[in-house]
N, C-alpha and C. Protein backbone atom coordinates (compact mmCIF):
# COMPACT_ATOMS: atom_id res chain seq x y z
N MET A 1 92.89 122.59 90.75
CA MET A 1 92.52 123.87 90.18
C MET A 1 93.44 124.17 89.02
N GLY A 2 92.92 124.83 88.04
CA GLY A 2 93.71 125.19 86.88
C GLY A 2 94.52 126.45 87.13
N ALA A 3 95.47 126.72 86.22
CA ALA A 3 96.32 127.90 86.34
C ALA A 3 95.46 129.16 86.33
N GLY A 4 95.77 130.07 87.21
CA GLY A 4 95.06 131.34 87.26
C GLY A 4 93.76 131.30 88.03
N GLN A 5 93.29 130.14 88.43
CA GLN A 5 92.05 130.07 89.19
C GLN A 5 92.33 130.36 90.66
N VAL A 6 91.36 130.94 91.31
CA VAL A 6 91.48 131.25 92.73
C VAL A 6 90.33 130.59 93.47
N ARG A 7 90.65 129.98 94.61
CA ARG A 7 89.61 129.36 95.43
C ARG A 7 88.76 130.45 96.07
N GLU A 8 87.52 130.09 96.36
CA GLU A 8 86.64 131.03 97.07
C GLU A 8 87.16 131.29 98.48
N ARG A 9 87.78 130.28 99.08
CA ARG A 9 88.37 130.45 100.41
C ARG A 9 89.53 129.46 100.54
N ALA A 10 90.41 129.75 101.46
CA ALA A 10 91.55 128.86 101.70
C ALA A 10 91.05 127.57 102.33
N LEU A 11 91.65 126.46 101.92
CA LEU A 11 91.33 125.18 102.54
C LEU A 11 91.99 125.14 103.92
N THR A 12 91.30 124.56 104.86
CA THR A 12 91.76 124.55 106.24
C THR A 12 92.02 123.12 106.72
N ARG A 13 92.59 123.05 107.90
CA ARG A 13 92.80 121.74 108.53
C ARG A 13 91.45 121.06 108.75
N ALA A 14 90.43 121.83 109.13
CA ALA A 14 89.09 121.26 109.33
C ALA A 14 88.57 120.64 108.04
N ASP A 15 88.83 121.28 106.88
CA ASP A 15 88.43 120.71 105.59
C ASP A 15 89.14 119.38 105.35
N ALA A 16 90.43 119.36 105.65
CA ALA A 16 91.22 118.14 105.45
C ALA A 16 90.76 117.03 106.40
N GLU A 17 90.52 117.38 107.65
CA GLU A 17 90.06 116.38 108.62
C GLU A 17 88.69 115.83 108.25
N ALA A 18 87.82 116.70 107.74
CA ALA A 18 86.48 116.26 107.33
C ALA A 18 86.58 115.28 106.16
N ALA A 19 87.43 115.58 105.19
CA ALA A 19 87.60 114.69 104.03
C ALA A 19 88.26 113.38 104.44
N ALA A 20 89.34 113.47 105.22
CA ALA A 20 90.05 112.27 105.66
C ALA A 20 89.16 111.43 106.57
N GLY A 21 88.29 112.09 107.33
CA GLY A 21 87.41 111.39 108.25
C GLY A 21 86.34 110.54 107.58
N THR A 22 86.18 110.68 106.27
CA THR A 22 85.20 109.86 105.54
C THR A 22 85.80 108.55 105.03
N VAL A 23 87.11 108.43 105.07
CA VAL A 23 87.78 107.24 104.52
C VAL A 23 87.62 106.08 105.50
N THR A 24 87.18 104.95 104.97
CA THR A 24 86.95 103.77 105.82
C THR A 24 88.10 102.78 105.70
N ASP A 25 88.20 101.94 106.71
CA ASP A 25 89.19 100.87 106.72
C ASP A 25 88.78 99.82 105.69
N PRO A 26 89.68 99.42 104.80
CA PRO A 26 89.30 98.44 103.77
C PRO A 26 88.98 97.05 104.33
N GLU A 27 89.50 96.72 105.50
CA GLU A 27 89.24 95.41 106.08
C GLU A 27 88.02 95.40 107.01
N MET A 28 87.72 96.54 107.59
CA MET A 28 86.53 96.67 108.45
C MET A 28 85.82 97.97 108.04
N PRO A 29 85.07 97.93 106.93
CA PRO A 29 84.52 99.16 106.35
C PRO A 29 83.46 99.86 107.18
N MET A 30 83.06 99.28 108.30
CA MET A 30 82.14 99.99 109.19
C MET A 30 82.88 101.03 110.03
N LEU A 31 84.22 101.01 109.96
CA LEU A 31 85.04 101.95 110.73
C LEU A 31 85.74 102.94 109.81
N THR A 32 85.71 104.22 110.18
CA THR A 32 86.55 105.19 109.48
C THR A 32 87.96 105.04 110.04
N LEU A 33 88.94 105.56 109.31
CA LEU A 33 90.31 105.52 109.80
C LEU A 33 90.44 106.30 111.10
N LEU A 34 89.63 107.35 111.24
CA LEU A 34 89.62 108.13 112.47
C LEU A 34 89.10 107.29 113.63
N ASP A 35 87.99 106.57 113.42
CA ASP A 35 87.42 105.74 114.49
C ASP A 35 88.30 104.54 114.81
N LEU A 36 89.03 104.03 113.82
CA LEU A 36 89.96 102.93 114.06
C LEU A 36 91.17 103.41 114.86
N GLY A 37 91.44 104.71 114.80
CA GLY A 37 92.56 105.27 115.55
C GLY A 37 93.88 105.24 114.80
N VAL A 38 93.85 104.99 113.49
CA VAL A 38 95.09 104.97 112.72
C VAL A 38 95.41 106.32 112.09
N LEU A 39 94.43 107.21 112.00
CA LEU A 39 94.64 108.55 111.46
C LEU A 39 95.20 109.40 112.59
N ARG A 40 96.50 109.67 112.55
CA ARG A 40 97.19 110.27 113.69
C ARG A 40 97.30 111.79 113.64
N GLU A 41 97.52 112.34 112.44
CA GLU A 41 97.75 113.78 112.35
C GLU A 41 97.41 114.27 110.96
N VAL A 42 96.88 115.47 110.88
CA VAL A 42 96.57 116.13 109.61
C VAL A 42 97.13 117.54 109.69
N THR A 43 98.00 117.89 108.74
CA THR A 43 98.54 119.26 108.68
C THR A 43 98.30 119.82 107.29
N VAL A 44 98.00 121.10 107.24
CA VAL A 44 97.71 121.78 105.97
C VAL A 44 98.69 122.93 105.82
N ARG A 45 99.19 123.09 104.60
CA ARG A 45 100.00 124.26 104.28
C ARG A 45 99.59 124.74 102.90
N GLY A 46 99.79 126.00 102.66
CA GLY A 46 99.43 126.56 101.36
C GLY A 46 99.22 128.04 101.47
N ALA A 47 98.90 128.63 100.35
CA ALA A 47 98.73 130.08 100.29
C ALA A 47 97.52 130.50 101.13
N ALA A 48 97.73 131.42 102.02
CA ALA A 48 96.66 131.90 102.90
C ALA A 48 95.58 132.64 102.14
N ASP A 49 95.91 133.15 100.94
CA ASP A 49 94.92 133.91 100.17
C ASP A 49 93.99 133.01 99.37
N GLY A 50 94.16 131.69 99.49
CA GLY A 50 93.27 130.77 98.79
C GLY A 50 93.70 130.47 97.37
N SER A 51 94.85 130.98 96.95
CA SER A 51 95.31 130.68 95.59
C SER A 51 95.82 129.25 95.52
N GLU A 52 96.15 128.82 94.33
CA GLU A 52 96.57 127.45 94.10
C GLU A 52 97.75 127.07 94.99
N GLY A 53 97.78 125.85 95.42
CA GLY A 53 98.91 125.37 96.18
C GLY A 53 98.58 124.77 97.53
N ALA A 54 97.31 124.54 97.86
CA ALA A 54 96.97 123.94 99.15
C ALA A 54 97.49 122.51 99.20
N ALA A 55 98.24 122.22 100.26
CA ALA A 55 98.82 120.89 100.42
C ALA A 55 98.45 120.35 101.80
N VAL A 56 98.32 119.04 101.88
CA VAL A 56 97.98 118.40 103.15
C VAL A 56 98.89 117.20 103.34
N THR A 57 99.30 117.00 104.58
CA THR A 57 100.06 115.83 104.97
C THR A 57 99.26 115.09 106.04
N VAL A 58 99.11 113.80 105.84
CA VAL A 58 98.36 112.95 106.76
C VAL A 58 99.31 111.89 107.30
N ALA A 59 99.31 111.68 108.61
CA ALA A 59 100.12 110.63 109.22
C ALA A 59 99.21 109.48 109.65
N LEU A 60 99.60 108.28 109.25
CA LEU A 60 98.87 107.05 109.61
C LEU A 60 99.77 106.15 110.44
N THR A 61 99.20 105.49 111.42
CA THR A 61 99.90 104.46 112.16
C THR A 61 99.18 103.15 111.89
N PRO A 62 99.85 102.18 111.25
CA PRO A 62 99.17 100.92 110.95
C PRO A 62 98.85 100.14 112.22
N THR A 63 97.83 99.29 112.12
CA THR A 63 97.46 98.47 113.28
C THR A 63 98.60 97.51 113.64
N TYR A 64 99.37 97.12 112.66
CA TYR A 64 100.62 96.39 112.89
C TYR A 64 101.51 96.65 111.69
N SER A 65 102.82 96.48 111.84
CA SER A 65 103.76 96.96 110.83
C SER A 65 103.64 96.27 109.48
N GLY A 66 103.07 95.10 109.41
CA GLY A 66 102.90 94.42 108.13
C GLY A 66 101.49 94.52 107.57
N CYS A 67 100.72 95.49 108.02
CA CYS A 67 99.31 95.61 107.62
C CYS A 67 99.17 95.74 106.11
N PRO A 68 98.51 94.78 105.45
CA PRO A 68 98.38 94.81 103.99
C PRO A 68 97.42 95.88 103.48
N ALA A 69 96.65 96.50 104.37
CA ALA A 69 95.67 97.49 103.94
C ALA A 69 96.25 98.90 103.82
N MET A 70 97.51 99.09 104.19
CA MET A 70 98.09 100.44 104.19
C MET A 70 98.08 101.09 102.81
N ALA A 71 98.39 100.34 101.77
CA ALA A 71 98.41 100.93 100.42
C ALA A 71 97.01 101.39 100.02
N THR A 72 96.00 100.61 100.34
CA THR A 72 94.62 101.00 100.03
C THR A 72 94.21 102.21 100.84
N MET A 73 94.58 102.24 102.12
CA MET A 73 94.27 103.41 102.96
C MET A 73 94.90 104.67 102.35
N ARG A 74 96.16 104.55 101.97
CA ARG A 74 96.86 105.69 101.37
C ARG A 74 96.15 106.16 100.11
N ASP A 75 95.84 105.24 99.21
CA ASP A 75 95.17 105.60 97.95
C ASP A 75 93.80 106.24 98.21
N ASP A 76 93.06 105.70 99.16
CA ASP A 76 91.73 106.25 99.48
C ASP A 76 91.84 107.64 100.10
N LEU A 77 92.85 107.86 100.93
CA LEU A 77 93.07 109.19 101.50
C LEU A 77 93.44 110.20 100.42
N VAL A 78 94.33 109.81 99.52
CA VAL A 78 94.73 110.71 98.43
C VAL A 78 93.50 111.07 97.60
N ARG A 79 92.68 110.10 97.28
CA ARG A 79 91.48 110.34 96.48
C ARG A 79 90.50 111.28 97.21
N ALA A 80 90.27 111.05 98.49
CA ALA A 80 89.34 111.88 99.25
C ALA A 80 89.85 113.31 99.40
N LEU A 81 91.12 113.47 99.67
CA LEU A 81 91.68 114.81 99.88
C LEU A 81 91.84 115.58 98.58
N THR A 82 92.19 114.89 97.51
CA THR A 82 92.24 115.53 96.20
C THR A 82 90.83 115.97 95.80
N GLY A 83 89.86 115.11 96.06
CA GLY A 83 88.47 115.45 95.76
C GLY A 83 87.96 116.63 96.57
N ALA A 84 88.55 116.87 97.73
CA ALA A 84 88.16 118.01 98.57
C ALA A 84 88.86 119.30 98.13
N GLY A 85 89.74 119.19 97.13
CA GLY A 85 90.37 120.40 96.59
C GLY A 85 91.84 120.58 96.90
N PHE A 86 92.45 119.66 97.62
CA PHE A 86 93.87 119.79 97.92
C PHE A 86 94.69 119.41 96.69
N ASP A 87 95.67 120.27 96.37
CA ASP A 87 96.49 120.07 95.18
C ASP A 87 97.59 119.04 95.41
N GLU A 88 98.07 118.97 96.62
CA GLU A 88 99.15 118.03 96.94
C GLU A 88 98.76 117.28 98.21
N VAL A 89 98.88 115.96 98.16
CA VAL A 89 98.54 115.13 99.32
C VAL A 89 99.72 114.21 99.60
N ARG A 90 100.19 114.23 100.83
CA ARG A 90 101.25 113.32 101.26
C ARG A 90 100.71 112.47 102.40
N VAL A 91 100.99 111.18 102.33
CA VAL A 91 100.60 110.28 103.42
C VAL A 91 101.88 109.69 103.99
N GLN A 92 102.10 109.92 105.27
CA GLN A 92 103.27 109.40 105.97
C GLN A 92 102.85 108.25 106.87
N VAL A 93 103.71 107.25 106.95
CA VAL A 93 103.48 106.14 107.88
C VAL A 93 104.29 106.43 109.14
N ARG A 94 103.62 106.42 110.26
CA ARG A 94 104.26 106.71 111.54
C ARG A 94 104.15 105.46 112.41
N LEU A 95 105.28 104.84 112.71
CA LEU A 95 105.29 103.59 113.48
C LEU A 95 105.43 103.81 114.98
N SER A 96 105.79 105.02 115.38
CA SER A 96 105.98 105.30 116.80
C SER A 96 105.15 106.50 117.22
N PRO A 97 104.37 106.38 118.26
CA PRO A 97 104.17 105.18 119.05
C PRO A 97 103.35 104.15 118.27
N PRO A 98 103.54 102.87 118.58
CA PRO A 98 102.78 101.85 117.87
C PRO A 98 101.29 101.94 118.19
N TRP A 99 100.48 101.56 117.21
CA TRP A 99 99.03 101.58 117.37
C TRP A 99 98.62 100.65 118.50
N THR A 100 97.58 101.02 119.20
CA THR A 100 96.97 100.18 120.22
C THR A 100 95.46 100.17 119.99
N SER A 101 94.84 99.06 120.29
CA SER A 101 93.39 98.97 120.14
C SER A 101 92.67 99.94 121.09
N ASP A 102 93.38 100.47 122.07
CA ASP A 102 92.80 101.49 122.95
C ASP A 102 92.47 102.77 122.17
N TRP A 103 93.07 102.96 121.00
CA TRP A 103 92.82 104.16 120.18
C TRP A 103 91.51 104.08 119.40
N ILE A 104 90.85 102.94 119.37
CA ILE A 104 89.55 102.85 118.70
C ILE A 104 88.57 103.71 119.49
N THR A 105 87.87 104.60 118.81
CA THR A 105 86.95 105.52 119.49
C THR A 105 85.71 104.78 119.99
N GLU A 106 84.97 105.43 120.87
CA GLU A 106 83.70 104.86 121.34
C GLU A 106 82.73 104.68 120.17
N ARG A 107 82.72 105.63 119.24
CA ARG A 107 81.87 105.50 118.05
C ARG A 107 82.30 104.28 117.23
N GLY A 108 83.61 104.04 117.14
CA GLY A 108 84.12 102.86 116.44
C GLY A 108 83.73 101.57 117.13
N ARG A 109 83.82 101.56 118.45
CA ARG A 109 83.43 100.36 119.21
C ARG A 109 81.93 100.08 119.05
N ALA A 110 81.14 101.13 119.03
CA ALA A 110 79.69 100.96 118.81
C ALA A 110 79.42 100.41 117.42
N ALA A 111 80.16 100.89 116.41
CA ALA A 111 79.98 100.40 115.04
C ALA A 111 80.36 98.92 114.95
N LEU A 112 81.41 98.51 115.64
CA LEU A 112 81.77 97.09 115.66
C LEU A 112 80.63 96.27 116.25
N ARG A 113 80.11 96.71 117.40
CA ARG A 113 79.01 95.97 118.03
C ARG A 113 77.79 95.90 117.12
N GLU A 114 77.46 97.01 116.44
CA GLU A 114 76.32 97.02 115.51
C GLU A 114 76.49 96.00 114.40
N HIS A 115 77.74 95.72 114.03
CA HIS A 115 78.02 94.75 112.97
C HIS A 115 78.36 93.37 113.54
N ARG A 116 78.02 93.17 114.81
CA ARG A 116 78.18 91.88 115.48
C ARG A 116 79.64 91.42 115.55
N ILE A 117 80.52 92.40 115.74
CA ILE A 117 81.93 92.13 115.97
C ILE A 117 82.23 92.58 117.40
N SER A 118 82.84 91.71 118.16
CA SER A 118 83.16 92.02 119.54
C SER A 118 84.33 93.01 119.59
N PRO A 119 84.12 94.21 120.17
CA PRO A 119 85.22 95.18 120.24
C PRO A 119 86.25 94.75 121.28
N PRO A 120 87.46 95.28 121.17
CA PRO A 120 88.50 94.90 122.12
C PRO A 120 88.24 95.49 123.50
N GLY A 121 88.78 94.81 124.50
CA GLY A 121 88.81 95.39 125.84
C GLY A 121 90.00 96.34 125.91
N THR A 122 90.37 96.73 127.10
CA THR A 122 91.51 97.62 127.28
C THR A 122 92.80 96.84 127.12
N ALA A 123 93.71 97.36 126.31
CA ALA A 123 94.99 96.70 126.09
C ALA A 123 95.91 96.85 127.30
N GLY A 124 95.75 97.94 128.02
CA GLY A 124 96.57 98.16 129.21
C GLY A 124 97.91 98.79 128.85
N PRO A 125 98.72 99.05 129.87
CA PRO A 125 100.01 99.71 129.63
C PRO A 125 100.98 98.81 128.88
N ARG A 126 101.83 99.44 128.12
CA ARG A 126 102.86 98.69 127.38
C ARG A 126 104.08 98.51 128.27
N PRO A 127 104.69 97.33 128.22
CA PRO A 127 105.90 97.13 129.04
C PRO A 127 107.04 98.01 128.52
N SER A 128 107.88 98.46 129.43
CA SER A 128 109.00 99.30 129.02
C SER A 128 110.24 98.48 128.74
N GLY A 129 110.27 97.24 129.17
CA GLY A 129 111.43 96.39 128.96
C GLY A 129 111.10 95.27 127.99
N PRO A 130 111.73 94.12 128.18
CA PRO A 130 111.47 92.98 127.29
C PRO A 130 110.00 92.57 127.34
N VAL A 131 109.49 92.16 126.20
CA VAL A 131 108.10 91.72 126.09
C VAL A 131 108.07 90.20 126.19
N PRO A 132 107.29 89.66 127.11
CA PRO A 132 107.25 88.20 127.24
C PRO A 132 106.61 87.55 126.00
N LEU A 133 107.16 86.42 125.60
CA LEU A 133 106.63 85.68 124.46
C LEU A 133 105.56 84.73 124.96
N ARG A 134 104.36 84.84 124.38
CA ARG A 134 103.24 83.99 124.78
C ARG A 134 102.94 83.06 123.60
N LEU A 135 103.07 81.76 123.81
CA LEU A 135 102.87 80.78 122.74
C LEU A 135 101.49 80.15 122.76
N THR A 136 100.70 80.46 123.74
CA THR A 136 99.35 79.91 123.81
C THR A 136 98.33 81.01 123.51
N ALA A 137 97.15 80.60 123.15
CA ALA A 137 96.09 81.56 122.87
C ALA A 137 95.74 82.33 124.14
N THR A 138 95.41 83.58 123.96
CA THR A 138 95.01 84.43 125.08
C THR A 138 93.58 84.10 125.48
N ARG A 139 93.36 83.83 126.75
CA ARG A 139 92.00 83.55 127.24
C ARG A 139 91.31 84.87 127.50
N ARG A 140 90.27 85.13 126.77
CA ARG A 140 89.52 86.37 126.92
C ARG A 140 88.11 86.02 127.40
N LEU A 141 87.58 86.81 128.29
CA LEU A 141 86.19 86.65 128.72
C LEU A 141 85.37 87.64 127.90
N LEU A 142 84.60 87.10 126.96
CA LEU A 142 83.86 87.94 126.03
C LEU A 142 82.37 87.68 126.11
N ALA A 143 81.60 88.72 125.83
CA ALA A 143 80.16 88.57 125.67
C ALA A 143 79.86 88.42 124.19
N CYS A 144 78.96 87.51 123.86
CA CYS A 144 78.55 87.31 122.47
C CYS A 144 77.89 88.59 121.96
N PRO A 145 78.32 89.12 120.81
CA PRO A 145 77.70 90.34 120.29
C PRO A 145 76.29 90.11 119.75
N ARG A 146 75.86 88.85 119.63
CA ARG A 146 74.51 88.56 119.14
C ARG A 146 73.50 88.43 120.28
N CYS A 147 73.83 87.56 121.26
CA CYS A 147 72.86 87.29 122.32
C CYS A 147 73.28 87.83 123.68
N GLY A 148 74.54 88.25 123.83
CA GLY A 148 75.01 88.82 125.08
C GLY A 148 75.53 87.81 126.09
N ALA A 149 75.41 86.51 125.78
CA ALA A 149 75.89 85.49 126.72
C ALA A 149 77.41 85.59 126.86
N GLU A 150 77.90 85.31 128.05
CA GLU A 150 79.34 85.37 128.30
C GLU A 150 80.00 84.00 128.23
N ASP A 151 79.28 83.02 127.75
CA ASP A 151 79.81 81.67 127.61
C ASP A 151 80.28 81.49 126.16
N THR A 152 81.53 81.85 125.90
CA THR A 152 82.07 81.80 124.54
C THR A 152 83.37 81.01 124.54
N GLU A 153 83.73 80.53 123.36
CA GLU A 153 84.98 79.78 123.24
C GLU A 153 85.73 80.20 121.98
N LEU A 154 87.04 80.19 122.09
CA LEU A 154 87.91 80.53 120.97
C LEU A 154 87.93 79.38 119.97
N THR A 155 87.69 79.68 118.70
CA THR A 155 87.82 78.64 117.68
C THR A 155 89.05 78.85 116.81
N SER A 156 89.50 80.11 116.67
CA SER A 156 90.73 80.39 115.92
C SER A 156 91.32 81.70 116.41
N GLU A 157 92.59 81.68 116.75
CA GLU A 157 93.27 82.90 117.19
C GLU A 157 93.40 83.91 116.05
N TYR A 158 93.21 83.45 114.81
CA TYR A 158 93.33 84.33 113.65
C TYR A 158 92.04 84.33 112.85
N GLY A 159 91.50 85.53 112.65
CA GLY A 159 90.28 85.70 111.87
C GLY A 159 90.60 86.15 110.47
N PRO A 160 89.64 86.78 109.80
CA PRO A 160 89.86 87.24 108.43
C PRO A 160 90.91 88.35 108.33
N THR A 161 91.19 89.02 109.43
CA THR A 161 92.28 89.99 109.48
C THR A 161 93.19 89.58 110.63
N ALA A 162 94.43 90.00 110.58
CA ALA A 162 95.40 89.60 111.61
C ALA A 162 95.04 90.12 112.99
N CYS A 163 94.26 91.19 113.05
CA CYS A 163 93.93 91.76 114.36
C CYS A 163 92.59 91.25 114.90
N THR A 164 92.04 90.20 114.30
CA THR A 164 90.81 89.61 114.82
C THR A 164 91.01 88.13 115.14
N ALA A 165 90.18 87.62 116.03
CA ALA A 165 90.13 86.20 116.37
C ALA A 165 88.68 85.75 116.18
N ILE A 166 88.48 84.45 116.03
CA ILE A 166 87.13 83.90 115.84
C ILE A 166 86.71 83.15 117.11
N TYR A 167 85.53 83.50 117.59
CA TYR A 167 84.94 82.87 118.76
C TYR A 167 83.59 82.28 118.37
N ARG A 168 83.07 81.42 119.26
CA ARG A 168 81.73 80.88 119.09
C ARG A 168 81.03 80.97 120.42
N CYS A 169 79.79 81.38 120.36
CA CYS A 169 78.96 81.44 121.56
C CYS A 169 78.40 80.04 121.80
N THR A 170 78.55 79.54 123.02
CA THR A 170 78.03 78.20 123.31
C THR A 170 76.54 78.22 123.63
N VAL A 171 75.95 79.41 123.75
CA VAL A 171 74.51 79.52 124.02
C VAL A 171 73.74 79.59 122.70
N CYS A 172 74.03 80.60 121.86
CA CYS A 172 73.30 80.72 120.59
C CYS A 172 74.01 79.97 119.46
N ARG A 173 75.23 79.48 119.73
CA ARG A 173 76.02 78.65 118.82
C ARG A 173 76.52 79.41 117.58
N GLU A 174 76.43 80.72 117.58
CA GLU A 174 76.87 81.52 116.44
C GLU A 174 78.34 81.91 116.58
N PRO A 175 79.09 81.86 115.48
CA PRO A 175 80.47 82.35 115.51
C PRO A 175 80.49 83.87 115.41
N PHE A 176 81.56 84.47 115.91
CA PHE A 176 81.72 85.92 115.78
C PHE A 176 83.19 86.29 115.82
N GLU A 177 83.49 87.45 115.24
CA GLU A 177 84.85 87.98 115.26
C GLU A 177 85.04 88.81 116.52
N HIS A 178 86.26 88.83 116.99
CA HIS A 178 86.64 89.69 118.11
C HIS A 178 87.90 90.45 117.71
N VAL A 179 87.90 91.76 117.87
CA VAL A 179 89.10 92.56 117.62
C VAL A 179 90.01 92.39 118.83
N LYS A 180 91.23 91.91 118.57
CA LYS A 180 92.16 91.61 119.66
C LYS A 180 92.64 92.88 120.36
N GLU A 181 92.96 92.72 121.61
CA GLU A 181 93.57 93.79 122.39
C GLU A 181 95.05 93.83 122.01
N ILE A 182 95.46 94.94 121.47
CA ILE A 182 96.86 95.08 121.03
C ILE A 182 97.44 96.29 121.71
């Protein structure tokens, strides 16, 4: 907004959440950041009378600490929130608690299935002490997202993103991605 202009109404947290909720993951664009579970918190501050100065802070938790998509997520959030009328946008990276695939929403899991990507199962509780080192591939019992058969085999522990693995259905013979349980 320009100097001397007044908003028709004050921007709210709901406005910020609605704008931030449209931003998609650059690596899995069928998922919003909200559905992926990386959008952790949205706070709004500014003049209650709707005058210039509405600011928003968004907290993101990356799927893993070296996630290369974080810069794009940040830029896309800034663009969406600025476009919604916020004068100042801050994006914070929050590493604690660490992201878990359990945070993917049911809507997100459905979107993965619609795009023939196998959603993760339950990651389960996190250990409170030392974490055991596993040097072999994790054996997962998965249903093929194309034909539903449960006869699948791992072809690569690493897919196009670090949080996916590549499987092949031995019934329909089609490969598919699986989002790992983290």
